[in-house]
């Protein structure tokens, strides 16, 4: 039986920084933009990055992409949900 080698996806140069928001930070974000959590784009709970940072259903992730052209960074948000089987 061979062991599978685990790769840390967060260390890959094309994977931007992912930050798991606290419940308080999530609430502030939703109030700021006057949206519901379901209005955010979704990421599945079994996504390699979601697994790596410990995100569970209902969590919100902030994705920070560095920009070399317009601004220092651009923030994106994703809502974690379970995949339907």
Protein backbone atom coordinates (compact mmCIF):
# COMPACT_ATOMS: atom_id res chain seq x y z
CA UNK A 1 0.00 0.00 0.00
CA UNK A 2 1.45 3.36 -1.00
CA UNK A 3 0.94 6.62 0.80
CA UNK A 4 -0.49 9.52 -1.15
CA UNK A 5 1.68 12.59 -1.04
CA UNK A 6 -0.28 15.64 0.14
CA UNK A 7 0.32 18.92 -1.61
CA UNK A 8 -0.41 22.22 0.13
CA UNK A 9 -2.51 24.04 -2.48
CA UNK A 10 -2.08 27.33 -0.62
CA UNK A 11 1.63 27.36 -1.49
CA UNK A 12 1.04 27.28 -5.25
CA UNK A 13 2.00 30.53 -6.98
CA UNK A 14 -1.33 30.81 -8.81
CA UNK A 15 -3.52 30.38 -5.70
CA UNK A 16 -4.34 33.79 -4.21
CA UNK A 17 -4.54 34.42 -0.47
CA UNK A 18 -7.73 33.01 1.10
CA UNK A 19 -8.96 34.31 4.46
CA UNK A 20 -11.75 32.71 6.48
CA UNK A 21 -13.93 35.50 7.87
CA UNK A 22 -15.21 35.38 11.43
CA UNK A 23 -18.97 35.42 12.01
CA UNK A 24 -18.70 39.10 13.01
CA UNK A 25 -16.69 40.02 9.89
CA UNK A 26 -19.20 38.12 7.74
CA UNK A 27 -22.12 40.02 9.28
CA UNK A 28 -20.36 43.37 8.73
CA UNK A 29 -19.72 42.47 5.07
CA UNK A 30 -23.35 41.49 4.47
CA UNK A 31 -24.64 44.66 6.14
CA UNK A 32 -22.17 46.89 4.29
CA UNK A 33 -23.38 45.69 0.89
CA UNK A 34 -26.98 45.06 2.04
CA UNK A 35 -26.92 41.51 0.69
CA UNK A 36 -27.78 38.01 1.85
CA UNK A 37 -25.17 35.26 2.05
CA UNK A 38 -26.85 33.54 -0.92
CA UNK A 39 -26.07 36.59 -3.09
CA UNK A 40 -22.34 35.76 -2.93
CA UNK A 41 -20.70 33.42 -5.44
CA UNK A 42 -20.36 29.92 -4.03
CA UNK A 43 -17.46 27.58 -3.34
CA UNK A 44 -18.02 23.96 -2.42
CA UNK A 45 -16.98 22.63 0.97
CA UNK A 46 -14.86 19.97 -0.77
CA UNK A 47 -12.83 22.54 -2.74
CA UNK A 48 -9.11 21.92 -2.01
CA UNK A 49 -8.63 25.46 -0.68
CA UNK A 50 -11.76 25.26 1.51
CA UNK A 51 -10.44 22.03 3.01
CA UNK A 52 -6.96 23.52 3.51
CA UNK A 53 -8.25 26.51 5.52
CA UNK A 54 -10.94 24.56 7.37
CA UNK A 55 -13.97 26.29 5.83
CA UNK A 56 -17.36 24.73 6.53
CA UNK A 57 -20.84 25.25 5.13
CA UNK A 58 -22.09 28.77 5.89
CA UNK A 59 -18.62 30.34 6.14
CA UNK A 60 -17.51 33.26 3.99
CA UNK A 61 -14.05 33.39 2.48
CA UNK A 62 -12.25 36.53 1.38
CA UNK A 63 -9.94 36.03 -1.60
CA UNK A 64 -7.21 38.64 -2.02
CA UNK A 65 -5.67 38.93 -5.47
CA UNK A 66 -2.66 41.18 -5.93
CA UNK A 67 -2.84 43.47 -8.94
CA UNK A 68 0.17 44.87 -10.73
CA UNK A 69 -1.84 47.24 -12.91
CA UNK A 70 -4.63 49.08 -11.12
CA UNK A 71 -4.63 48.81 -7.35
CA UNK A 72 -2.63 47.01 -4.70
CA UNK A 73 -5.17 44.21 -4.31
CA UNK A 74 -8.71 43.22 -5.20
CA UNK A 75 -10.96 41.38 -2.75
CA UNK A 76 -13.49 38.72 -3.75
CA UNK A 77 -15.84 36.80 -1.48
CA UNK A 78 -17.20 33.27 -1.64
CA UNK A 79 -19.91 31.51 0.38
CA UNK A 80 -19.16 27.90 1.33
CA UNK A 81 -21.88 25.34 0.67
CA UNK A 82 -22.19 21.57 0.60
CA UNK A 83 -22.13 19.85 -2.74
CA UNK A 84 -25.32 18.02 -3.67
CA UNK A 85 -24.71 14.34 -4.23
